[in-house]
Amino acid sequence: MDAGEYLETAVRDVLTATDPGLDDQIGYAALLLAVTGALDEADRLVEQWLARTERPVAALSAAPVRARAWAMLFEARGGRPPWAKGLAPLDLDAEERAHTAFLRKPVSDLDGVLPPGAVAEVVKHLAPSRPDRVRTALADGDLARWASLAGQRPDVATLAGTRALAPALVAGADPLGLRDWAPACAGALVAALHERHPADLGTWPELIAEIMRLRGRGGAGPLLRGRSPLPPPASEAAIRSAELRLGVELPTDLRDFLRTCDGLPADVVFPRLLGTAGLRAENGVVILAEPAVLLLSASHVVEVDPVLGTTVHPSFRAALRKHATLLAQAG
């Protein structure tokens, strides 16, 4: 499997496909992550899909084999994650019998009629990897052989639906060798979901509350029951005093941010945002953060990253929205 080629196609589908096409791609990607042993990444992807689309979770497993695959994985991991509560329970013994019969079912109705060599010639056009051999590998529990035959878009639902193999997959068997790639895959697909369905964070309190939720701080001061380390809102007098000291009139969105919280603590991916007392100006540029990687220059917010380089955001709010998106991608 060419992981790069797959991800390029998957991201394009997430951005442009119809809703059923989006559901299909996310459903496949989540199972692909799960069979690599990246269960947390699979859960994160599904949770973001649910949050952004508000579609029924059953849409991810409309095909019976996908529903079976999730059921076998849930059994192997010892329970269902919260997102899976909307999936109908299955009789796993009955599903196992049906799956075993499917794996042993002839690929062609000509099996038993024509000689084996002739059957091979007839069915080889169905898939370069010969679906009869792929099924046999799963029926025999041979993960390595299955991976060698799986092709560019491996049938991960049939793999995960094989009850005897599900525990090894959950334990991290990773037959496709994609475990190290899984976080990047999930992050790219989550980013595409955010681009297709941007969060409606219309007010500053909503945006700050979402940032604090994603940070996992457990609350956002008066925004979420007063349990947060957020500074209180700045007064109009404090904002005006800062403007007089800096010699500039602050943009409206920055003033609105300060009215919501007078600064913002740092986290692992964003610096500490300065409140009214900490803002300072150097050579006509207002320093917005500590360390000084976020600057206000000519009404634009400039972010200086030693690794990624310089980004010019059209507004302070745009910089904070980007931060929220990065937090969501990081899970």
C-alpha atoms as a PDB file:
ATOM      1  CA  MET A   1       0.000   0.000   0.000  1.00  0.00           C
ATOM      2  CA  ASP A   2       1.333   3.427  -0.980  1.00  0.00           C
ATOM      3  CA  ALA A   3       0.382   5.403   2.144  1.00  0.00           C
ATOM      4  CA  GLY A   4       1.121   8.783   0.575  1.00  0.00           C
ATOM      5  CA  GLU A   5      -1.011   8.116  -2.472  1.00  0.00           C
ATOM      6  CA  TYR A   6      -3.862   6.800  -0.331  1.00  0.00           C
ATOM      7  CA  LEU A   7      -3.798   9.833   1.975  1.00  0.00           C
ATOM      8  CA  GLU A   8      -3.810  12.268  -0.939  1.00  0.00           C
ATOM      9  CA  THR A   9      -6.931  10.595  -2.318  1.00  0.00           C
ATOM     10  CA  ALA A  10      -8.575  10.375   1.104  1.00  0.00           C
ATOM     11  CA  VAL A  11      -8.043  14.063   1.880  1.00  0.00           C
ATOM     12  CA  ARG A  12      -9.448  15.026  -1.520  1.00  0.00           C
ATOM     13  CA  ASP A  13     -12.528  12.896  -0.881  1.00  0.00           C
ATOM     14  CA  VAL A  14     -13.063  14.383   2.571  1.00  0.00           C
ATOM     15  CA  LEU A  15     -12.936  17.866   1.066  1.00  0.00           C
ATOM     16  CA  THR A  16     -15.034  17.291  -2.058  1.00  0.00           C
ATOM     17  CA  ALA A  17     -17.085  14.085  -1.936  1.00  0.00           C
ATOM     18  CA  THR A  18     -20.822  13.946  -1.343  1.00  0.00           C
ATOM     19  CA  ASP A  19     -21.901  13.173   2.220  1.00  0.00           C
ATOM     20  CA  PRO A  20     -22.159   9.410   1.522  1.00  0.00           C
ATOM     21  CA  GLY A  21     -18.708   9.545  -0.076  1.00  0.00           C
ATOM     22  CA  LEU A  22     -17.339  11.373   2.961  1.00  0.00           C
ATOM     23  CA  ASP A  23     -18.885   8.790   5.279  1.00  0.00           C
ATOM     24  CA  ASP A  24     -17.366   5.975   3.241  1.00  0.00           C
ATOM     25  CA  GLN A  25     -13.901   7.493   3.270  1.00  0.00           C
ATOM     26  CA  ILE A  26     -13.930   8.249   7.002  1.00  0.00           C
ATOM     27  CA  GLY A  27     -15.334   4.797   7.748  1.00  0.00           C
ATOM     28  CA  TYR A  28     -12.569   3.151   5.748  1.00  0.00           C
ATOM     29  CA  ALA A  29      -9.833   5.375   7.198  1.00  0.00           C
ATOM     30  CA  ALA A  30     -10.963   4.744  10.777  1.00  0.00           C
ATOM     31  CA  LEU A  31     -10.818   0.980  10.242  1.00  0.00           C
ATOM     32  CA  LEU A  32      -7.438   1.328   8.532  1.00  0.00           C
ATOM     33  CA  LEU A  33      -6.115   3.152  11.592  1.00  0.00           C
ATOM     34  CA  ALA A  34      -7.681   0.595  13.921  1.00  0.00           C
ATOM     35  CA  VAL A  35      -6.059  -2.406  12.219  1.00  0.00           C
ATOM     36  CA  THR A  36      -2.652  -0.744  12.574  1.00  0.00           C
ATOM     37  CA  GLY A  37      -3.230  -0.724  16.339  1.00  0.00           C
ATOM     38  CA  ALA A  38      -3.777   3.058  16.349  1.00  0.00           C
ATOM     39  CA  LEU A  39      -7.105   2.831  18.189  1.00  0.00           C
ATOM     40  CA  ASP A  40      -6.786   6.299  19.754  1.00  0.00           C
ATOM     41  CA  GLU A  41      -6.271   7.835  16.310  1.00  0.00           C
ATOM     42  CA  ALA A  42      -9.256   5.925  14.925  1.00  0.00           C
ATOM     43  CA  ASP A  43     -11.424   7.137  17.809  1.00  0.00           C
ATOM     44  CA  ARG A  44     -10.230  10.725  17.329  1.00  0.00           C
ATOM     45  CA  LEU A  45     -11.062  10.673  13.639  1.00  0.00           C
ATOM     46  CA  VAL A  46     -14.567   9.306  14.194  1.00  0.00           C
ATOM     47  CA  GLU A  47     -15.237  11.759  17.044  1.00  0.00           C
ATOM     48  CA  GLN A  48     -14.208  14.695  14.851  1.00  0.00           C
ATOM     49  CA  TRP A  49     -16.395  13.397  12.006  1.00  0.00           C
ATOM     50  CA  LEU A  50     -19.340  13.159  14.389  1.00  0.00           C
ATOM     51  CA  ALA A  51     -18.730  16.644  15.782  1.00  0.00           C
ATOM     52  CA  ARG A  52     -18.340  18.262  12.361  1.00  0.00           C
ATOM     53  CA  THR A  53     -21.060  16.487  10.384  1.00  0.00           C
ATOM     54  CA  GLU A  54     -23.587  15.543  13.116  1.00  0.00           C
ATOM     55  CA  ARG A  55     -24.434  12.496  11.010  1.00  0.00           C
ATOM     56  CA  PRO A  56     -25.540   9.184  12.572  1.00  0.00           C
ATOM     57  CA  VAL A  57     -22.599   6.990  13.472  1.00  0.00           C
ATOM     58  CA  ALA A  58     -24.282   4.063  11.712  1.00  0.00           C
ATOM     59  CA  ALA A  59     -23.391   5.787   8.421  1.00  0.00           C
ATOM     60  CA  LEU A  60     -19.790   4.679   8.993  1.00  0.00           C
ATOM     61  CA  SER A  61     -20.756   1.026   8.994  1.00  0.00           C
ATOM     62  CA  ALA A  62     -23.604   0.849   6.497  1.00  0.00           C
ATOM     63  CA  ALA A  63     -22.060  -2.243   4.890  1.00  0.00           C
ATOM     64  CA  PRO A  64     -22.602  -5.383   7.021  1.00  0.00           C
ATOM     65  CA  VAL A  65     -18.917  -6.333   6.866  1.00  0.00           C
ATOM     66  CA  ARG A  66     -17.901  -2.977   8.362  1.00  0.00           C
ATOM     67  CA  ALA A  67     -20.423  -3.329  11.171  1.00  0.00           C
ATOM     68  CA  ARG A  68     -19.025  -6.801  11.812  1.00  0.00           C
ATOM     69  CA  ALA A  69     -15.460  -5.489  11.784  1.00  0.00           C
ATOM     70  CA  TRP A  70     -16.175  -2.877  14.451  1.00  0.00           C
ATOM     71  CA  ALA A  71     -18.026  -5.417  16.570  1.00  0.00           C
ATOM     72  CA  MET A  72     -15.049  -7.796  16.528  1.00  0.00           C
ATOM     73  CA  LEU A  73     -12.627  -4.975  17.346  1.00  0.00           C
ATOM     74  CA  PHE A  74     -14.802  -3.782  20.242  1.00  0.00           C
ATOM     75  CA  GLU A  75     -14.866  -7.294  21.669  1.00  0.00           C
ATOM     76  CA  ALA A  76     -11.077  -7.558  21.363  1.00  0.00           C
ATOM     77  CA  ARG A  77     -10.477  -4.194  23.057  1.00  0.00           C
ATOM     78  CA  GLY A  78     -12.846  -5.040  25.902  1.00  0.00           C
ATOM     79  CA  GLY A  79     -15.638  -2.560  25.228  1.00  0.00           C
ATOM     80  CA  ARG A  80     -17.018   0.161  23.027  1.00  0.00           C
ATOM     81  CA  PRO A  81     -15.598   3.681  22.910  1.00  0.00           C
ATOM     82  CA  PRO A  82     -18.141   6.462  23.621  1.00  0.00           C
ATOM     83  CA  TRP A  83     -18.651   7.280  19.930  1.00  0.00           C
ATOM     84  CA  ALA A  84     -19.890   3.736  19.204  1.00  0.00           C
ATOM     85  CA  LYS A  85     -22.960   3.835  21.453  1.00  0.00           C
ATOM     86  CA  GLY A  86     -25.127   4.514  18.434  1.00  0.00           C
ATOM     87  CA  LEU A  87     -24.125   1.282  16.686  1.00  0.00           C
ATOM     88  CA  ALA A  88     -26.540  -1.624  16.944  1.00  0.00           C
ATOM     89  CA  PRO A  89     -25.230  -4.634  18.902  1.00  0.00           C
ATOM     90  CA  LEU A  90     -24.549  -7.787  16.908  1.00  0.00           C
ATOM     91  CA  ASP A  91     -24.659 -11.499  17.702  1.00  0.00           C
ATOM     92  CA  LEU A  92     -20.915 -12.121  17.457  1.00  0.00           C
ATOM     93  CA  ASP A  93     -21.195 -15.900  17.237  1.00  0.00           C
ATOM     94  CA  ALA A  94     -23.595 -15.608  14.311  1.00  0.00           C
ATOM     95  CA  GLU A  95     -21.376 -12.966  12.708  1.00  0.00           C
ATOM     96  CA  GLU A  96     -18.340 -15.192  13.113  1.00  0.00           C
ATOM     97  CA  ARG A  97     -20.090 -18.094  11.385  1.00  0.00           C
ATOM     98  CA  ALA A  98     -21.204 -15.838   8.520  1.00  0.00           C
ATOM     99  CA  HIS A  99     -17.713 -14.411   8.146  1.00  0.00           C
ATOM    100  CA  THR A 100     -16.050 -17.813   8.145  1.00  0.00           C
ATOM    101  CA  ALA A 101     -18.447 -18.981   5.440  1.00  0.00           C
ATOM    102  CA  PHE A 102     -17.652 -15.858   3.437  1.00  0.00           C
ATOM    103  CA  LEU A 103     -13.906 -16.451   3.674  1.00  0.00           C
ATOM    104  CA  ARG A 104     -14.325 -20.014   2.422  1.00  0.00           C
ATOM    105  CA  LYS A 105     -16.806 -19.098  -0.285  1.00  0.00           C
ATOM    106  CA  PRO A 106     -15.503 -19.595  -3.854  1.00  0.00           C
ATOM    107  CA  VAL A 107     -14.658 -16.359  -5.600  1.00  0.00           C
ATOM    108  CA  SER A 108     -16.198 -17.642  -8.814  1.00  0.00           C
ATOM    109  CA  ASP A 109     -19.183 -19.872  -9.474  1.00  0.00           C
ATOM    110  CA  LEU A 110     -16.851 -21.702 -11.853  1.00  0.00           C
ATOM    111  CA  ASP A 111     -14.876 -23.124  -8.934  1.00  0.00           C
ATOM    112  CA  GLY A 112     -15.331 -26.871  -9.017  1.00  0.00           C
ATOM    113  CA  VAL A 113     -16.423 -26.756 -12.640  1.00  0.00           C
ATOM    114  CA  LEU A 114     -13.216 -25.714 -14.377  1.00  0.00           C
ATOM    115  CA  PRO A 115      -9.705 -26.909 -13.551  1.00  0.00           C
ATOM    116  CA  PRO A 116      -7.944 -24.715 -10.925  1.00  0.00           C
ATOM    117  CA  GLY A 117      -5.646 -23.155 -13.512  1.00  0.00           C
ATOM    118  CA  ALA A 118      -8.581 -22.130 -15.678  1.00  0.00           C
ATOM    119  CA  VAL A 119     -10.396 -20.622 -12.681  1.00  0.00           C
ATOM    120  CA  ALA A 120      -7.319 -18.541 -11.927  1.00  0.00           C
ATOM    121  CA  GLU A 121      -7.385 -17.110 -15.434  1.00  0.00           C
ATOM    122  CA  VAL A 122     -11.065 -16.254 -15.095  1.00  0.00           C
ATOM    123  CA  VAL A 123     -10.874 -14.528 -11.704  1.00  0.00           C
ATOM    124  CA  LYS A 124      -7.518 -12.746 -11.967  1.00  0.00           C
ATOM    125  CA  HIS A 125      -9.169  -9.688 -13.542  1.00  0.00           C
ATOM    126  CA  LEU A 126     -11.173  -9.141 -10.334  1.00  0.00           C
ATOM    127  CA  ALA A 127      -8.127  -7.824  -8.461  1.00  0.00           C
ATOM    128  CA  PRO A 128      -4.390  -7.986  -8.993  1.00  0.00           C
ATOM    129  CA  SER A 129      -4.044  -9.615  -5.582  1.00  0.00           C
ATOM    130  CA  ARG A 130      -6.406 -12.523  -6.406  1.00  0.00           C
ATOM    131  CA  PRO A 131      -9.306 -12.208  -3.933  1.00  0.00           C
ATOM    132  CA  ASP A 132      -9.449 -15.986  -3.436  1.00  0.00           C
ATOM    133  CA  ARG A 133      -5.877 -15.974  -2.080  1.00  0.00           C
ATOM    134  CA  VAL A 134      -6.552 -12.929   0.124  1.00  0.00           C
ATOM    135  CA  ARG A 135      -9.533 -14.672   1.686  1.00  0.00           C
ATOM    136  CA  THR A 136      -7.607 -17.877   2.174  1.00  0.00           C
ATOM    137  CA  ALA A 137      -4.824 -16.000   3.949  1.00  0.00           C
ATOM    138  CA  LEU A 138      -7.348 -14.539   6.409  1.00  0.00           C
ATOM    139  CA  ALA A 139      -9.095 -17.865   6.902  1.00  0.00           C
ATOM    140  CA  ASP A 140      -5.709 -19.393   7.723  1.00  0.00           C
ATOM    141  CA  GLY A 141      -4.819 -16.525  10.079  1.00  0.00           C
ATOM    142  CA  ASP A 142      -1.773 -15.612   7.996  1.00  0.00           C
ATOM    143  CA  LEU A 143      -1.451 -11.827   8.479  1.00  0.00           C
ATOM    144  CA  ALA A 144       1.866 -11.556   6.668  1.00  0.00           C
ATOM    145  CA  ARG A 145       0.530 -13.306   3.597  1.00  0.00           C
ATOM    146  CA  TRP A 146      -2.643 -11.216   3.672  1.00  0.00           C
ATOM    147  CA  ALA A 147      -0.561  -8.008   3.779  1.00  0.00           C
ATOM    148  CA  SER A 148       1.541  -9.134   0.812  1.00  0.00           C
ATOM    149  CA  LEU A 149      -1.609  -9.726  -1.255  1.00  0.00           C
ATOM    150  CA  ALA A 150      -3.751  -6.846  -0.008  1.00  0.00           C
ATOM    151  CA  GLY A 151      -3.091  -4.372  -2.827  1.00  0.00           C
ATOM    152  CA  GLN A 152      -3.379  -0.579  -2.872  1.00  0.00           C
ATOM    153  CA  ARG A 153      -6.664  -0.401  -0.929  1.00  0.00           C
ATOM    154  CA  PRO A 154      -6.587  -3.316   1.504  1.00  0.00           C
ATOM    155  CA  ASP A 155      -9.922  -4.778   2.541  1.00  0.00           C
ATOM    156  CA  VAL A 156      -9.477  -3.869   6.198  1.00  0.00           C
ATOM    157  CA  ALA A 157     -13.117  -4.558   7.042  1.00  0.00           C
ATOM    158  CA  THR A 158     -12.793  -8.209   6.085  1.00  0.00           C
ATOM    159  CA  LEU A 159      -9.515  -8.358   7.996  1.00  0.00           C
ATOM    160  CA  ALA A 160     -10.951  -6.840  11.190  1.00  0.00           C
ATOM    161  CA  GLY A 161     -14.120  -8.889  10.856  1.00  0.00           C
ATOM    162  CA  THR A 162     -12.072 -12.075  11.222  1.00  0.00           C
ATOM    163  CA  ARG A 163     -12.697 -12.774  14.893  1.00  0.00           C
ATOM    164  CA  ALA A 164      -9.594 -14.860  15.478  1.00  0.00           C
ATOM    165  CA  LEU A 165      -7.378 -12.015  14.214  1.00  0.00           C
ATOM    166  CA  ALA A 166      -9.028  -9.048  15.945  1.00  0.00           C
ATOM    167  CA  PRO A 167      -7.129  -9.464  19.264  1.00  0.00           C
ATOM    168  CA  ALA A 168      -3.775  -9.381  17.452  1.00  0.00           C
ATOM    169  CA  LEU A 169      -4.816  -6.236  15.578  1.00  0.00           C
ATOM    170  CA  VAL A 170      -5.909  -4.486  18.779  1.00  0.00           C
ATOM    171  CA  ALA A 171      -2.620  -5.527  20.411  1.00  0.00           C
ATOM    172  CA  GLY A 172      -0.682  -3.782  17.619  1.00  0.00           C
ATOM    173  CA  ALA A 173       0.162  -6.529  15.121  1.00  0.00           C
ATOM    174  CA  ASP A 174       0.155  -3.818  12.389  1.00  0.00           C
ATOM    175  CA  PRO A 175       0.291  -6.134   9.345  1.00  0.00           C
ATOM    176  CA  LEU A 176       0.566  -3.190   6.922  1.00  0.00           C
ATOM    177  CA  GLY A 177       3.422  -1.495   8.816  1.00  0.00           C
ATOM    178  CA  LEU A 178       1.577   1.827   9.079  1.00  0.00           C
ATOM    179  CA  ARG A 179       1.683   2.465  12.852  1.00  0.00           C
ATOM    180  CA  ASP A 180       4.164   5.355  12.689  1.00  0.00           C
ATOM    181  CA  TRP A 181       2.172   6.933   9.869  1.00  0.00           C
ATOM    182  CA  ALA A 182      -1.174   6.731  11.656  1.00  0.00           C
ATOM    183  CA  PRO A 183      -0.984  10.053  13.602  1.00  0.00           C
ATOM    184  CA  ALA A 184      -0.124  11.985  10.427  1.00  0.00           C
ATOM    185  CA  CYS A 185      -2.981  10.280   8.584  1.00  0.00           C
ATOM    186  CA  ALA A 186      -5.514  11.066  11.301  1.00  0.00           C
ATOM    187  CA  GLY A 187      -4.249  14.644  11.592  1.00  0.00           C
ATOM    188  CA  ALA A 188      -4.529  15.298   7.867  1.00  0.00           C
ATOM    189  CA  LEU A 189      -8.060  13.907   7.694  1.00  0.00           C
ATOM    190  CA  VAL A 190      -9.157  15.862  10.775  1.00  0.00           C
ATOM    191  CA  ALA A 191      -7.745  19.027   9.215  1.00  0.00           C
ATOM    192  CA  ALA A 192      -9.713  18.298   6.038  1.00  0.00           C
ATOM    193  CA  LEU A 193     -12.871  17.785   8.105  1.00  0.00           C
ATOM    194  CA  HIS A 194     -12.314  21.165   9.752  1.00  0.00           C
ATOM    195  CA  GLU A 195     -11.854  22.777   6.368  1.00  0.00           C
ATOM    196  CA  ARG A 196     -15.041  21.193   5.000  1.00  0.00           C
ATOM    197  CA  HIS A 197     -17.071  21.862   8.154  1.00  0.00           C
ATOM    198  CA  PRO A 198     -15.474  24.803   9.996  1.00  0.00           C
ATOM    199  CA  ALA A 199     -16.608  25.201  13.577  1.00  0.00           C
ATOM    200  CA  ASP A 200     -19.150  27.922  14.192  1.00  0.00           C
ATOM    201  CA  LEU A 201     -17.358  29.861  16.912  1.00  0.00           C
ATOM    202  CA  GLY A 202     -19.057  33.172  16.339  1.00  0.00           C
ATOM    203  CA  THR A 203     -18.279  34.896  19.646  1.00  0.00           C
ATOM    204  CA  TRP A 204     -15.064  35.334  21.558  1.00  0.00           C
ATOM    205  CA  PRO A 205     -16.384  33.484  24.619  1.00  0.00           C
ATOM    206  CA  GLU A 206     -17.249  30.520  22.368  1.00  0.00           C
ATOM    207  CA  LEU A 207     -13.831  30.532  20.697  1.00  0.00           C
ATOM    208  CA  ILE A 208     -11.913  30.745  23.993  1.00  0.00           C
ATOM    209  CA  ALA A 209     -14.131  28.087  25.552  1.00  0.00           C
ATOM    210  CA  GLU A 210     -13.401  25.763  22.605  1.00  0.00           C
ATOM    211  CA  ILE A 211      -9.659  26.389  22.871  1.00  0.00           C
ATOM    212  CA  MET A 212      -9.703  25.594  26.583  1.00  0.00           C
ATOM    213  CA  ARG A 213     -11.784  22.482  25.967  1.00  0.00           C
ATOM    214  CA  LEU A 214      -9.305  21.258  23.362  1.00  0.00           C
ATOM    215  CA  ARG A 215      -6.432  21.994  25.694  1.00  0.00           C
ATOM    216  CA  GLY A 216      -8.064  19.777  28.297  1.00  0.00           C
ATOM    217  CA  ARG A 217      -7.936  22.358  31.051  1.00  0.00           C
ATOM    218  CA  GLY A 218     -11.340  21.320  32.369  1.00  0.00           C
ATOM    219  CA  GLY A 219     -13.029  24.685  32.159  1.00  0.00           C
ATOM    220  CA  ALA A 220     -12.719  28.277  31.083  1.00  0.00           C
ATOM    221  CA  GLY A 221     -13.332  30.515  34.069  1.00  0.00           C
ATOM    222  CA  PRO A 222     -16.695  32.259  33.949  1.00  0.00           C
ATOM    223  CA  LEU A 223     -17.190  30.661  30.548  1.00  0.00           C
ATOM    224  CA  LEU A 224     -17.296  27.149  32.024  1.00  0.00           C
ATOM    225  CA  ARG A 225     -18.272  27.256  35.698  1.00  0.00           C
ATOM    226  CA  GLY A 226     -15.348  29.237  37.022  1.00  0.00           C
ATOM    227  CA  ARG A 227     -12.774  26.451  37.255  1.00  0.00           C
ATOM    228  CA  SER A 228     -10.195  27.827  34.846  1.00  0.00           C
ATOM    229  CA  PRO A 229      -6.771  29.486  35.160  1.00  0.00           C
ATOM    230  CA  LEU A 230      -7.919  32.151  32.675  1.00  0.00           C
ATOM    231  CA  PRO A 231      -7.367  35.759  33.724  1.00  0.00           C
ATOM    232  CA  PRO A 232     -10.554  37.798  34.183  1.00  0.00           C
ATOM    233  CA  PRO A 233     -11.705  40.175  31.426  1.00  0.00           C
ATOM    234  CA  ALA A 234      -9.839  43.440  31.054  1.00  0.00           C
ATOM    235  CA  SER A 235     -11.676  46.642  31.863  1.00  0.00           C
ATOM    236  CA  GLU A 236     -12.238  49.349  29.272  1.00  0.00           C
ATOM    237  CA  ALA A 237      -9.935  51.568  31.304  1.00  0.00           C
ATOM    238  CA  ALA A 238      -7.150  48.959  31.216  1.00  0.00           C
ATOM    239  CA  ILE A 239      -7.492  48.526  27.442  1.00  0.00           C
ATOM    240  CA  ARG A 240      -7.417  52.283  26.852  1.00  0.00           C
ATOM    241  CA  SER A 241      -4.425  52.674  29.162  1.00  0.00           C
ATOM    242  CA  ALA A 242      -2.548  50.000  27.189  1.00  0.00           C
ATOM    243  CA  GLU A 243      -3.306  51.798  23.919  1.00  0.00           C
ATOM    244  CA  LEU A 244      -1.999  55.103  25.296  1.00  0.00           C
ATOM    245  CA  ARG A 245       1.170  53.422  26.542  1.00  0.00           C
ATOM    246  CA  LEU A 246       1.747  51.593  23.236  1.00  0.00           C
ATOM    247  CA  GLY A 247       0.881  54.584  21.092  1.00  0.00           C
ATOM    248  CA  VAL A 248      -1.460  52.556  18.867  1.00  0.00           C
ATOM    249  CA  GLU A 249      -5.158  51.800  18.679  1.00  0.00           C
ATOM    250  CA  LEU A 250      -5.636  48.054  19.070  1.00  0.00           C
ATOM    251  CA  PRO A 251      -7.687  46.211  16.425  1.00  0.00           C
ATOM    252  CA  THR A 252     -11.310  45.582  17.332  1.00  0.00           C
ATOM    253  CA  ASP A 253     -10.896  41.805  17.550  1.00  0.00           C
ATOM    254  CA  LEU A 254      -7.912  42.114  19.905  1.00  0.00           C
ATOM    255  CA  ARG A 255      -9.914  44.486  22.105  1.00  0.00           C
ATOM    256  CA  ASP A 256     -12.778  41.963  22.102  1.00  0.00           C
ATOM    257  CA  PHE A 257     -10.347  39.203  23.099  1.00  0.00           C
ATOM    258  CA  LEU A 258      -9.080  41.292  26.025  1.00  0.00           C
ATOM    259  CA  ARG A 259     -12.668  41.983  27.080  1.00  0.00           C
ATOM    260  CA  THR A 260     -13.144  38.197  27.218  1.00  0.00           C
ATOM    261  CA  CYS A 261      -9.920  37.317  29.042  1.00  0.00           C
ATOM    262  CA  ASP A 262      -6.964  39.573  29.787  1.00  0.00           C
ATOM    263  CA  GLY A 263      -4.391  37.220  28.269  1.00  0.00           C
ATOM    264  CA  LEU A 264      -4.226  33.472  27.802  1.00  0.00           C
ATOM    265  CA  PRO A 265      -1.880  30.900  29.372  1.00  0.00           C
ATOM    266  CA  ALA A 266       0.558  29.028  27.136  1.00  0.00           C
ATOM    267  CA  ASP A 267       0.189  25.431  26.073  1.00  0.00           C
ATOM    268  CA  VAL A 268       2.445  22.975  24.282  1.00  0.00           C
ATOM    269  CA  VAL A 269       1.782  24.444  20.823  1.00  0.00           C
ATOM    270  CA  PHE A 270       1.103  28.133  21.522  1.00  0.00           C
ATOM    271  CA  PRO A 271       2.865  30.867  23.510  1.00  0.00           C
ATOM    272  CA  ARG A 272       1.420  32.825  26.408  1.00  0.00           C
ATOM    273  CA  LEU A 273      -0.758  35.633  25.094  1.00  0.00           C
ATOM    274  CA  LEU A 274      -0.108  38.878  26.936  1.00  0.00           C
ATOM    275  CA  GLY A 275      -2.780  40.834  28.743  1.00  0.00           C
ATOM    276  CA  THR A 276      -3.122  44.604  28.804  1.00  0.00           C
ATOM    277  CA  ALA A 277      -0.364  45.054  31.393  1.00  0.00           C
ATOM    278  CA  GLY A 278       2.120  42.921  29.460  1.00  0.00           C
ATOM    279  CA  LEU A 279       1.675  44.277  25.941  1.00  0.00           C
ATOM    280  CA  ARG A 280       4.694  46.229  24.733  1.00  0.00           C
ATOM    281  CA  ALA A 281       5.847  47.979  21.580  1.00  0.00           C
ATOM    282  CA  GLU A 282       9.241  47.792  19.896  1.00  0.00           C
ATOM    283  CA  ASN A 283      10.009  49.824  16.779  1.00  0.00           C
ATOM    284  CA  GLY A 284       6.336  50.273  16.014  1.00  0.00           C
ATOM    285  CA  VAL A 285       5.526  46.548  16.402  1.00  0.00           C
ATOM    286  CA  VAL A 286       3.330  45.397  19.285  1.00  0.00           C
ATOM    287  CA  ILE A 287       4.494  42.228  21.039  1.00  0.00           C
ATOM    288  CA  LEU A 288       1.445  40.049  21.708  1.00  0.00           C
ATOM    289  CA  ALA A 289       3.031  36.948  23.216  1.00  0.00           C
ATOM    290  CA  GLU A 290       5.801  35.652  25.434  1.00  0.00           C
ATOM    291  CA  PRO A 291       8.100  34.524  23.921  1.00  0.00           C
ATOM    292  CA  ALA A 292       7.756  37.206  21.251  1.00  0.00           C
ATOM    293  CA  VAL A 293       6.568  34.996  18.397  1.00  0.00           C
ATOM    294  CA  LEU A 294       3.228  36.744  17.823  1.00  0.00           C
ATOM    295  CA  LEU A 295       3.431  40.351  16.652  1.00  0.00           C
ATOM    296  CA  LEU A 296       0.987  43.065  15.623  1.00  0.00           C
ATOM    297  CA  SER A 297       2.269  45.019  12.647  1.00  0.00           C
ATOM    298  CA  ALA A 298       0.168  47.333  10.477  1.00  0.00           C
ATOM    299  CA  SER A 299      -3.074  45.661  11.627  1.00  0.00           C
ATOM    300  CA  HIS A 300      -1.753  42.214  10.657  1.00  0.00           C
ATOM    301  CA  VAL A 301      -0.744  39.511  13.114  1.00  0.00           C
ATOM    302  CA  VAL A 302       2.602  37.941  12.282  1.00  0.00           C
ATOM    303  CA  GLU A 303       3.493  34.530  13.728  1.00  0.00           C
ATOM    304  CA  VAL A 304       7.178  33.661  13.738  1.00  0.00           C
ATOM    305  CA  ASP A 305       7.895  29.948  14.042  1.00  0.00           C
ATOM    306  CA  PRO A 306      11.560  28.835  14.107  1.00  0.00           C
ATOM    307  CA  VAL A 307      10.635  25.608  12.316  1.00  0.00           C
ATOM    308  CA  LEU A 308       7.707  26.490  10.049  1.00  0.00           C
ATOM    309  CA  GLY A 309       8.778  30.036   9.242  1.00  0.00           C
ATOM    310  CA  THR A 310       6.653  33.189   9.253  1.00  0.00           C
ATOM    311  CA  THR A 311       2.874  33.253   8.829  1.00  0.00           C
ATOM    312  CA  VAL A 312       0.876  36.444   8.352  1.00  0.00           C
ATOM    313  CA  HIS A 313      -2.652  36.124   9.745  1.00  0.00           C
ATOM    314  CA  PRO A 314      -5.266  38.598   8.509  1.00  0.00           C
ATOM    315  CA  SER A 315      -6.412  39.214  12.082  1.00  0.00           C
ATOM    316  CA  PHE A 316      -5.798  38.272  15.699  1.00  0.00           C
ATOM    317  CA  ARG A 317      -8.958  36.170  15.633  1.00  0.00           C
ATOM    318  CA  ALA A 318      -7.671  34.267  12.598  1.00  0.00           C
ATOM    319  CA  ALA A 319      -4.516  33.381  14.551  1.00  0.00           C
ATOM    320  CA  LEU A 320      -6.600  32.028  17.439  1.00  0.00           C
ATOM    321  CA  ARG A 321      -8.872  30.072  15.101  1.00  0.00           C
ATOM    322  CA  LYS A 322      -5.782  28.495  13.545  1.00  0.00           C
ATOM    323  CA  HIS A 323      -4.611  27.582  17.035  1.00  0.00           C
ATOM    324  CA  ALA A 324      -7.952  25.867  17.722  1.00  0.00           C
ATOM    325  CA  THR A 325      -7.648  23.911  14.476  1.00  0.00           C
ATOM    326  CA  LEU A 326      -4.123  22.742  15.358  1.00  0.00           C
ATOM    327  CA  LEU A 327      -5.300  21.647  18.810  1.00  0.00           C
ATOM    328  CA  ALA A 328      -8.117  19.630  17.244  1.00  0.00           C
ATOM    329  CA  GLN A 329      -5.695  17.971  14.816  1.00  0.00           C
ATOM    330  CA  ALA A 330      -3.303  17.117  17.650  1.00  0.00           C
ATOM    331  CA  GLY A 331      -6.132  15.437  19.545  1.00  0.00           C
END
